[in-house]
Amino acid sequence: MRIALYQPDIPQNTGTILRLCACLAVEAHIIEPAGFPVSDRHFRRAGMDYLDQVAISRHVSWTAFRAWQQADGGRLMLLTTKGATSYLAHRYEDTDILLLGRESAGVPDEVAASADQRLVIPIAEGMRSLNVAVAAAMALGEALRQTRHAVTNGDNAP
C-alpha cells in the first residue's frame, strides 16, 4: 500500500500525512511541484521527527510519477469528492496507490481520468470536503484493514 500526494499545497497536512505513513509503515510519494519548500517550518513541525522514518519518493512531475506507476504496476485509487464508489465498498490490493489531490483544487481532469478507480468518502449533505490528512487516514486505515494486520506495537492482533 502506498500514498501519493499530487502537488500538495499545505505543509502541515503533508507533514501529518507523512507522519501517518511512517507510523503505519507505508511508502509515500510526492508529485511535484509542491506549494512549499520541504524546509518549511510548518511542514517540519507537523512531521516532527517522523520524517526521518518514512520512505519518501519525490516525482518531478505527473508524467514522471505515471511512468513510475505504470512500471510498478500498482493500481491508482483516487480519493475525490467526485468519486462514484465509496472507499468502504472498494476491495483494496496490497500494491494499490492511494492518490490524494491538492487541498485547494483536487486534481486536474487528466489526472482523474488516469485513475483506475475514483473513490469517495461519503460526508453529510451540504459539506464540501474533509481535510486531506483526515481523508488519507480514513482511506489508508480501511485499505490496511483489508490487506494486512495493523501495526500494533509488535502485537500481531488484527
N, C-alpha and C. Protein backbone atom coordinates (compact mmCIF):
# COMPACT_ATOMS: atom_id res chain seq x y z
N MET A 1 0.84 -1.17 0.00
CA MET A 1 0.00 0.00 0.00
C MET A 1 0.89 1.24 0.00
N ARG A 2 0.53 2.21 -0.82
CA ARG A 2 1.30 3.46 -0.89
C ARG A 2 0.34 4.64 -0.91
N ILE A 3 0.82 5.80 -0.48
CA ILE A 3 0.07 7.05 -0.59
C ILE A 3 0.84 7.96 -1.51
N ALA A 4 0.13 8.61 -2.43
CA ALA A 4 0.73 9.61 -3.31
C ALA A 4 -0.02 10.93 -3.15
N LEU A 5 0.74 12.00 -3.02
CA LEU A 5 0.16 13.34 -2.87
C LEU A 5 0.44 14.13 -4.14
N TYR A 6 -0.63 14.57 -4.80
CA TYR A 6 -0.50 15.34 -6.03
C TYR A 6 -0.32 16.82 -5.70
N GLN A 7 0.85 17.34 -5.96
CA GLN A 7 1.18 18.75 -5.78
C GLN A 7 0.60 19.33 -4.49
N PRO A 8 0.97 18.76 -3.35
CA PRO A 8 0.41 19.24 -2.08
C PRO A 8 0.73 20.71 -1.87
N ASP A 9 -0.23 21.44 -1.27
CA ASP A 9 -0.01 22.87 -1.11
C ASP A 9 -0.14 23.38 0.32
N ILE A 10 -0.43 22.51 1.27
CA ILE A 10 -0.47 22.92 2.68
C ILE A 10 0.55 22.08 3.44
N PRO A 11 1.63 22.71 3.90
CA PRO A 11 2.72 21.94 4.51
C PRO A 11 2.31 21.16 5.75
N GLN A 12 1.43 21.71 6.57
CA GLN A 12 1.03 21.00 7.78
C GLN A 12 0.32 19.69 7.44
N ASN A 13 -0.55 19.71 6.43
CA ASN A 13 -1.25 18.48 6.04
C ASN A 13 -0.29 17.45 5.46
N THR A 14 0.65 17.91 4.67
CA THR A 14 1.64 16.99 4.09
C THR A 14 2.48 16.36 5.19
N GLY A 15 2.93 17.16 6.14
CA GLY A 15 3.71 16.63 7.26
C GLY A 15 2.92 15.61 8.06
N THR A 16 1.63 15.89 8.27
CA THR A 16 0.77 14.97 9.01
C THR A 16 0.60 13.65 8.26
N ILE A 17 0.42 13.72 6.95
CA ILE A 17 0.27 12.50 6.15
C ILE A 17 1.57 11.70 6.14
N LEU A 18 2.69 12.37 6.06
CA LEU A 18 3.97 11.65 6.09
C LEU A 18 4.20 11.00 7.45
N ARG A 19 3.77 11.65 8.52
CA ARG A 19 3.85 11.04 9.85
C ARG A 19 2.96 9.81 9.90
N LEU A 20 1.77 9.88 9.33
CA LEU A 20 0.87 8.73 9.24
C LEU A 20 1.56 7.58 8.50
N CYS A 21 2.19 7.90 7.38
CA CYS A 21 2.89 6.87 6.60
C CYS A 21 4.01 6.23 7.42
N ALA A 22 4.76 7.03 8.15
CA ALA A 22 5.84 6.49 8.98
C ALA A 22 5.28 5.55 10.04
N CYS A 23 4.23 5.97 10.72
CA CYS A 23 3.67 5.17 11.81
C CYS A 23 3.05 3.86 11.32
N LEU A 24 2.55 3.84 10.09
CA LEU A 24 1.90 2.64 9.56
C LEU A 24 2.77 1.90 8.56
N ALA A 25 4.03 2.31 8.45
CA ALA A 25 5.00 1.65 7.55
C ALA A 25 4.49 1.60 6.12
N VAL A 26 4.06 2.77 5.64
CA VAL A 26 3.54 2.90 4.28
C VAL A 26 4.43 3.89 3.52
N GLU A 27 4.78 3.51 2.31
CA GLU A 27 5.60 4.34 1.43
C GLU A 27 4.80 5.58 1.00
N ALA A 28 5.48 6.73 0.89
CA ALA A 28 4.83 7.97 0.46
C ALA A 28 5.49 8.48 -0.82
N HIS A 29 4.65 9.04 -1.69
CA HIS A 29 5.13 9.64 -2.95
C HIS A 29 4.60 11.06 -3.02
N ILE A 30 5.50 11.98 -3.33
CA ILE A 30 5.10 13.38 -3.52
C ILE A 30 5.31 13.72 -4.99
N ILE A 31 4.22 14.17 -5.62
CA ILE A 31 4.26 14.55 -7.03
C ILE A 31 4.42 16.07 -7.07
N GLU A 32 5.55 16.51 -7.58
CA GLU A 32 5.89 17.94 -7.64
C GLU A 32 5.13 18.65 -8.77
N PRO A 33 5.05 19.96 -8.72
CA PRO A 33 5.65 20.80 -7.69
C PRO A 33 4.76 20.90 -6.46
N ALA A 34 5.38 20.92 -5.31
CA ALA A 34 4.65 21.16 -4.06
C ALA A 34 4.54 22.68 -3.89
N GLY A 35 3.57 23.10 -3.11
CA GLY A 35 3.34 24.52 -2.92
C GLY A 35 4.17 25.12 -1.81
N PHE A 36 5.21 24.42 -1.36
CA PHE A 36 6.06 24.88 -0.27
C PHE A 36 7.39 24.14 -0.34
N PRO A 37 8.44 24.73 0.20
CA PRO A 37 9.73 24.01 0.24
C PRO A 37 9.73 23.00 1.38
N VAL A 38 10.44 21.90 1.21
CA VAL A 38 10.50 20.89 2.27
C VAL A 38 11.18 21.41 3.52
N SER A 39 11.81 22.54 3.43
CA SER A 39 12.42 23.15 4.62
C SER A 39 11.40 23.99 5.40
N ASP A 40 10.17 24.12 4.89
CA ASP A 40 9.13 24.92 5.55
C ASP A 40 8.95 24.47 6.99
N ARG A 41 8.93 25.43 7.93
CA ARG A 41 8.86 25.09 9.36
C ARG A 41 7.54 24.41 9.73
N HIS A 42 6.44 24.76 9.05
CA HIS A 42 5.15 24.13 9.34
C HIS A 42 5.17 22.66 8.92
N PHE A 43 5.79 22.40 7.78
CA PHE A 43 5.95 21.03 7.29
C PHE A 43 6.78 20.20 8.26
N ARG A 44 7.92 20.73 8.67
CA ARG A 44 8.82 20.02 9.58
C ARG A 44 8.15 19.82 10.95
N ARG A 45 7.41 20.84 11.41
CA ARG A 45 6.75 20.73 12.72
C ARG A 45 5.67 19.66 12.69
N ALA A 46 4.85 19.62 11.64
CA ALA A 46 3.78 18.62 11.54
C ALA A 46 4.34 17.21 11.43
N GLY A 47 5.44 17.06 10.69
CA GLY A 47 6.03 15.74 10.52
C GLY A 47 6.91 15.32 11.68
N MET A 48 7.34 16.30 12.46
CA MET A 48 8.22 16.08 13.62
C MET A 48 9.40 15.18 13.23
N ASP A 49 9.86 14.37 14.13
CA ASP A 49 11.00 13.50 13.85
C ASP A 49 10.60 12.26 13.05
N TYR A 50 9.33 12.14 12.70
CA TYR A 50 8.86 11.00 11.91
C TYR A 50 9.30 11.09 10.45
N LEU A 51 9.63 12.29 9.99
CA LEU A 51 10.03 12.45 8.59
C LEU A 51 11.27 11.64 8.26
N ASP A 52 12.10 11.38 9.25
CA ASP A 52 13.29 10.57 9.03
C ASP A 52 12.97 9.08 8.98
N GLN A 53 11.76 8.71 9.34
CA GLN A 53 11.36 7.31 9.42
C GLN A 53 10.48 6.84 8.26
N VAL A 54 10.12 7.75 7.36
CA VAL A 54 9.21 7.38 6.27
C VAL A 54 9.99 7.28 4.95
N ALA A 55 9.60 6.30 4.14
CA ALA A 55 10.19 6.15 2.81
C ALA A 55 9.44 7.10 1.87
N ILE A 56 10.13 8.16 1.45
CA ILE A 56 9.51 9.18 0.58
C ILE A 56 10.17 9.13 -0.79
N SER A 57 9.34 9.05 -1.83
CA SER A 57 9.83 9.18 -3.20
C SER A 57 9.24 10.46 -3.76
N ARG A 58 10.07 11.26 -4.37
CA ARG A 58 9.61 12.51 -4.99
C ARG A 58 9.65 12.32 -6.50
N HIS A 59 8.61 12.79 -7.15
CA HIS A 59 8.50 12.71 -8.61
C HIS A 59 8.42 14.14 -9.13
N VAL A 60 9.25 14.48 -10.10
CA VAL A 60 9.36 15.86 -10.56
C VAL A 60 8.11 16.36 -11.27
N SER A 61 7.24 15.45 -11.70
CA SER A 61 6.03 15.85 -12.43
C SER A 61 5.03 14.70 -12.42
N TRP A 62 3.81 15.00 -12.86
CA TRP A 62 2.80 13.97 -13.00
C TRP A 62 3.26 12.93 -14.02
N THR A 63 3.88 13.37 -15.10
CA THR A 63 4.37 12.46 -16.14
C THR A 63 5.40 11.49 -15.57
N ALA A 64 6.31 12.00 -14.75
CA ALA A 64 7.33 11.14 -14.13
C ALA A 64 6.68 10.14 -13.17
N PHE A 65 5.71 10.60 -12.40
CA PHE A 65 5.01 9.69 -11.48
C PHE A 65 4.29 8.60 -12.26
N ARG A 66 3.58 8.97 -13.34
CA ARG A 66 2.84 7.98 -14.14
C ARG A 66 3.79 6.94 -14.73
N ALA A 67 4.95 7.36 -15.18
CA ALA A 67 5.92 6.42 -15.73
C ALA A 67 6.34 5.43 -14.65
N TRP A 68 6.60 5.94 -13.43
CA TRP A 68 6.95 5.05 -12.32
C TRP A 68 5.78 4.11 -12.00
N GLN A 69 4.58 4.66 -11.90
CA GLN A 69 3.40 3.87 -11.53
C GLN A 69 3.11 2.77 -12.55
N GLN A 70 3.22 3.09 -13.81
CA GLN A 70 2.96 2.08 -14.85
C GLN A 70 4.02 0.98 -14.82
N ALA A 71 5.27 1.33 -14.57
CA ALA A 71 6.33 0.32 -14.46
C ALA A 71 6.13 -0.53 -13.20
N ASP A 72 5.66 0.10 -12.13
CA ASP A 72 5.43 -0.58 -10.85
C ASP A 72 4.22 -1.53 -10.95
N GLY A 73 3.21 -1.13 -11.68
CA GLY A 73 2.01 -1.97 -11.86
C GLY A 73 0.93 -1.79 -10.82
N GLY A 74 1.15 -0.92 -9.83
CA GLY A 74 0.14 -0.70 -8.80
C GLY A 74 -1.07 0.04 -9.35
N ARG A 75 -2.25 -0.32 -8.86
CA ARG A 75 -3.47 0.38 -9.27
C ARG A 75 -3.53 1.74 -8.61
N LEU A 76 -4.04 2.72 -9.33
CA LEU A 76 -4.14 4.09 -8.84
C LEU A 76 -5.57 4.35 -8.38
N MET A 77 -5.72 4.59 -7.06
CA MET A 77 -7.02 4.81 -6.43
C MET A 77 -7.12 6.28 -6.03
N LEU A 78 -7.88 7.07 -6.78
CA LEU A 78 -8.01 8.50 -6.49
C LEU A 78 -9.11 8.73 -5.47
N LEU A 79 -8.78 9.42 -4.38
CA LEU A 79 -9.80 9.85 -3.42
C LEU A 79 -10.29 11.22 -3.86
N THR A 80 -11.58 11.33 -4.15
CA THR A 80 -12.13 12.56 -4.70
C THR A 80 -13.57 12.75 -4.27
N THR A 81 -13.96 14.00 -4.12
CA THR A 81 -15.36 14.30 -3.79
C THR A 81 -16.27 13.96 -4.96
N LYS A 82 -15.68 13.75 -6.14
CA LYS A 82 -16.46 13.41 -7.34
C LYS A 82 -16.47 11.91 -7.62
N GLY A 83 -16.03 11.11 -6.64
CA GLY A 83 -15.98 9.67 -6.82
C GLY A 83 -17.37 9.05 -6.86
N ALA A 84 -17.45 7.88 -7.47
CA ALA A 84 -18.72 7.17 -7.57
C ALA A 84 -18.80 5.99 -6.62
N THR A 85 -17.66 5.50 -6.19
CA THR A 85 -17.61 4.32 -5.33
C THR A 85 -17.14 4.72 -3.94
N SER A 86 -17.85 4.27 -2.91
CA SER A 86 -17.43 4.56 -1.54
C SER A 86 -16.11 3.86 -1.26
N TYR A 87 -15.25 4.52 -0.54
CA TYR A 87 -13.96 3.92 -0.15
C TYR A 87 -14.17 2.67 0.69
N LEU A 88 -15.32 2.54 1.33
CA LEU A 88 -15.62 1.35 2.15
C LEU A 88 -16.08 0.17 1.30
N ALA A 89 -16.63 0.44 0.12
CA ALA A 89 -17.12 -0.62 -0.75
C ALA A 89 -16.03 -1.17 -1.67
N HIS A 90 -14.93 -0.46 -1.77
CA HIS A 90 -13.84 -0.85 -2.67
C HIS A 90 -13.04 -2.00 -2.07
N ARG A 91 -12.55 -2.90 -2.91
CA ARG A 91 -11.69 -4.00 -2.49
C ARG A 91 -10.25 -3.64 -2.84
N TYR A 92 -9.46 -3.40 -1.82
CA TYR A 92 -8.07 -2.96 -1.99
C TYR A 92 -7.14 -4.14 -2.21
N GLU A 93 -6.01 -3.86 -2.85
CA GLU A 93 -4.93 -4.82 -3.04
C GLU A 93 -3.67 -4.25 -2.41
N ASP A 94 -2.76 -5.13 -1.99
CA ASP A 94 -1.53 -4.71 -1.32
C ASP A 94 -0.74 -3.65 -2.08
N THR A 95 -0.77 -3.70 -3.39
CA THR A 95 0.06 -2.82 -4.20
C THR A 95 -0.66 -1.54 -4.65
N ASP A 96 -1.86 -1.29 -4.15
CA ASP A 96 -2.60 -0.09 -4.53
C ASP A 96 -1.86 1.18 -4.11
N ILE A 97 -2.13 2.25 -4.86
CA ILE A 97 -1.60 3.57 -4.56
C ILE A 97 -2.79 4.48 -4.32
N LEU A 98 -2.89 5.02 -3.11
CA LEU A 98 -3.97 5.95 -2.77
C LEU A 98 -3.50 7.35 -3.13
N LEU A 99 -4.17 7.96 -4.11
CA LEU A 99 -3.79 9.28 -4.60
C LEU A 99 -4.71 10.34 -4.03
N LEU A 100 -4.11 11.37 -3.43
CA LEU A 100 -4.86 12.50 -2.89
C LEU A 100 -4.44 13.76 -3.61
N GLY A 101 -5.41 14.60 -3.95
CA GLY A 101 -5.13 15.82 -4.69
C GLY A 101 -4.77 16.99 -3.81
N ARG A 102 -4.59 18.12 -4.45
CA ARG A 102 -4.28 19.37 -3.74
C ARG A 102 -5.45 19.75 -2.87
N GLU A 103 -5.15 20.30 -1.71
CA GLU A 103 -6.19 20.75 -0.80
C GLU A 103 -7.03 21.85 -1.44
N SER A 104 -6.40 22.69 -2.24
CA SER A 104 -7.08 23.85 -2.82
C SER A 104 -7.84 23.55 -4.10
N ALA A 105 -7.48 22.49 -4.82
CA ALA A 105 -8.07 22.29 -6.15
C ALA A 105 -8.24 20.83 -6.57
N GLY A 106 -7.91 19.88 -5.73
CA GLY A 106 -8.03 18.48 -6.15
C GLY A 106 -6.99 18.15 -7.21
N VAL A 107 -7.42 17.42 -8.23
CA VAL A 107 -6.53 17.07 -9.34
C VAL A 107 -7.17 17.51 -10.65
N PRO A 108 -6.37 17.79 -11.68
CA PRO A 108 -6.94 18.12 -12.99
C PRO A 108 -7.64 16.91 -13.61
N ASP A 109 -8.47 17.17 -14.58
CA ASP A 109 -9.24 16.11 -15.25
C ASP A 109 -8.33 15.02 -15.82
N GLU A 110 -7.18 15.41 -16.36
CA GLU A 110 -6.23 14.44 -16.93
C GLU A 110 -5.79 13.43 -15.88
N VAL A 111 -5.53 13.91 -14.68
CA VAL A 111 -5.10 13.04 -13.58
C VAL A 111 -6.25 12.15 -13.15
N ALA A 112 -7.43 12.72 -12.99
CA ALA A 112 -8.61 11.94 -12.59
C ALA A 112 -8.90 10.84 -13.61
N ALA A 113 -8.75 11.15 -14.87
CA ALA A 113 -9.01 10.16 -15.93
C ALA A 113 -8.02 9.01 -15.89
N SER A 114 -6.85 9.23 -15.33
CA SER A 114 -5.82 8.18 -15.25
C SER A 114 -6.06 7.19 -14.12
N ALA A 115 -6.92 7.53 -13.19
CA ALA A 115 -7.15 6.67 -12.03
C ALA A 115 -7.86 5.39 -12.43
N ASP A 116 -7.45 4.30 -11.81
CA ASP A 116 -8.13 3.02 -12.03
C ASP A 116 -9.49 3.01 -11.34
N GLN A 117 -9.60 3.78 -10.28
CA GLN A 117 -10.86 3.88 -9.54
C GLN A 117 -10.91 5.25 -8.87
N ARG A 118 -12.12 5.83 -8.84
CA ARG A 118 -12.33 7.11 -8.14
C ARG A 118 -13.20 6.82 -6.93
N LEU A 119 -12.61 7.02 -5.75
CA LEU A 119 -13.28 6.68 -4.50
C LEU A 119 -13.71 7.94 -3.77
N VAL A 120 -14.83 7.83 -3.08
CA VAL A 120 -15.35 8.96 -2.31
C VAL A 120 -15.54 8.53 -0.86
N ILE A 121 -15.32 9.47 0.04
CA ILE A 121 -15.66 9.27 1.45
C ILE A 121 -16.98 10.01 1.65
N PRO A 122 -18.06 9.28 1.84
CA PRO A 122 -19.36 9.96 1.99
C PRO A 122 -19.37 10.88 3.22
N ILE A 123 -19.86 12.10 3.02
CA ILE A 123 -19.97 13.06 4.12
C ILE A 123 -21.38 13.65 4.10
N ALA A 124 -21.71 14.36 5.15
CA ALA A 124 -23.05 14.93 5.29
C ALA A 124 -23.36 15.89 4.15
N GLU A 125 -24.61 15.89 3.74
CA GLU A 125 -25.07 16.78 2.68
C GLU A 125 -24.79 18.23 3.05
N GLY A 126 -24.35 19.00 2.08
CA GLY A 126 -24.05 20.40 2.30
C GLY A 126 -22.62 20.68 2.72
N MET A 127 -21.89 19.64 3.10
CA MET A 127 -20.47 19.80 3.46
C MET A 127 -19.63 19.66 2.20
N ARG A 128 -18.56 20.43 2.12
CA ARG A 128 -17.74 20.45 0.91
C ARG A 128 -16.75 19.30 0.85
N SER A 129 -15.96 19.15 1.90
CA SER A 129 -14.93 18.09 1.88
C SER A 129 -14.29 17.94 3.25
N LEU A 130 -13.61 16.83 3.42
CA LEU A 130 -12.80 16.59 4.62
C LEU A 130 -11.40 17.18 4.42
N ASN A 131 -10.71 17.41 5.50
CA ASN A 131 -9.30 17.76 5.44
C ASN A 131 -8.57 16.60 4.77
N VAL A 132 -7.60 16.90 3.91
CA VAL A 132 -6.92 15.86 3.14
C VAL A 132 -6.18 14.86 4.04
N ALA A 133 -5.63 15.31 5.17
CA ALA A 133 -4.94 14.39 6.07
C ALA A 133 -5.94 13.45 6.75
N VAL A 134 -7.12 13.96 7.07
CA VAL A 134 -8.16 13.11 7.66
C VAL A 134 -8.62 12.08 6.62
N ALA A 135 -8.83 12.52 5.39
CA ALA A 135 -9.25 11.61 4.32
C ALA A 135 -8.19 10.53 4.10
N ALA A 136 -6.92 10.93 4.12
CA ALA A 136 -5.83 9.95 3.94
C ALA A 136 -5.86 8.91 5.05
N ALA A 137 -6.05 9.35 6.28
CA ALA A 137 -6.07 8.42 7.42
C ALA A 137 -7.25 7.46 7.32
N MET A 138 -8.41 7.97 6.95
CA MET A 138 -9.59 7.10 6.85
C MET A 138 -9.40 6.05 5.75
N ALA A 139 -8.99 6.49 4.57
CA ALA A 139 -8.84 5.56 3.45
C ALA A 139 -7.71 4.58 3.69
N LEU A 140 -6.59 5.05 4.21
CA LEU A 140 -5.47 4.16 4.48
C LEU A 140 -5.84 3.13 5.55
N GLY A 141 -6.54 3.57 6.57
CA GLY A 141 -6.98 2.64 7.61
C GLY A 141 -7.84 1.52 7.04
N GLU A 142 -8.77 1.86 6.17
CA GLU A 142 -9.63 0.84 5.56
C GLU A 142 -8.82 -0.07 4.63
N ALA A 143 -7.94 0.53 3.84
CA ALA A 143 -7.13 -0.27 2.91
C ALA A 143 -6.25 -1.26 3.68
N LEU A 144 -5.64 -0.80 4.77
CA LEU A 144 -4.79 -1.70 5.56
C LEU A 144 -5.61 -2.73 6.31
N ARG A 145 -6.79 -2.36 6.74
CA ARG A 145 -7.68 -3.33 7.41
C ARG A 145 -7.97 -4.50 6.47
N GLN A 146 -8.16 -4.18 5.21
CA GLN A 146 -8.48 -5.22 4.23
C GLN A 146 -7.26 -6.03 3.79
N THR A 147 -6.09 -5.42 3.82
CA THR A 147 -4.94 -6.08 3.19
C THR A 147 -3.88 -6.62 4.14
N ARG A 148 -3.88 -6.16 5.39
CA ARG A 148 -2.87 -6.68 6.34
C ARG A 148 -3.29 -6.37 7.76
N HIS A 149 -2.59 -6.99 8.68
CA HIS A 149 -2.82 -6.70 10.10
C HIS A 149 -2.30 -5.31 10.42
N ALA A 150 -2.94 -4.65 11.32
CA ALA A 150 -2.50 -3.34 11.75
C ALA A 150 -1.17 -3.44 12.49
N VAL A 151 -0.41 -2.37 12.44
CA VAL A 151 0.82 -2.29 13.22
C VAL A 151 0.38 -1.95 14.65
N THR A 152 0.66 -2.86 15.59
CA THR A 152 0.18 -2.65 16.96
C THR A 152 1.29 -2.90 17.95
N ASN A 153 2.34 -2.13 17.88
CA ASN A 153 3.45 -2.23 18.85
C ASN A 153 3.98 -3.65 18.98
N GLY A 154 4.13 -4.33 17.86
CA GLY A 154 4.70 -5.67 17.88
C GLY A 154 3.67 -6.76 18.11
N ASP A 155 2.48 -6.43 18.44
CA ASP A 155 1.40 -7.39 18.67
C ASP A 155 0.82 -7.75 17.30
N ASN A 156 0.58 -9.01 17.03
CA ASN A 156 0.06 -9.44 15.75
C ASN A 156 -1.45 -9.50 15.69
N ALA A 157 -2.13 -8.92 16.63
CA ALA A 157 -3.60 -8.93 16.63
C ALA A 157 -4.13 -8.15 15.45
N PRO A 158 -5.24 -8.62 14.85
CA PRO A 158 -5.82 -7.89 13.71
C PRO A 158 -6.46 -6.58 14.14
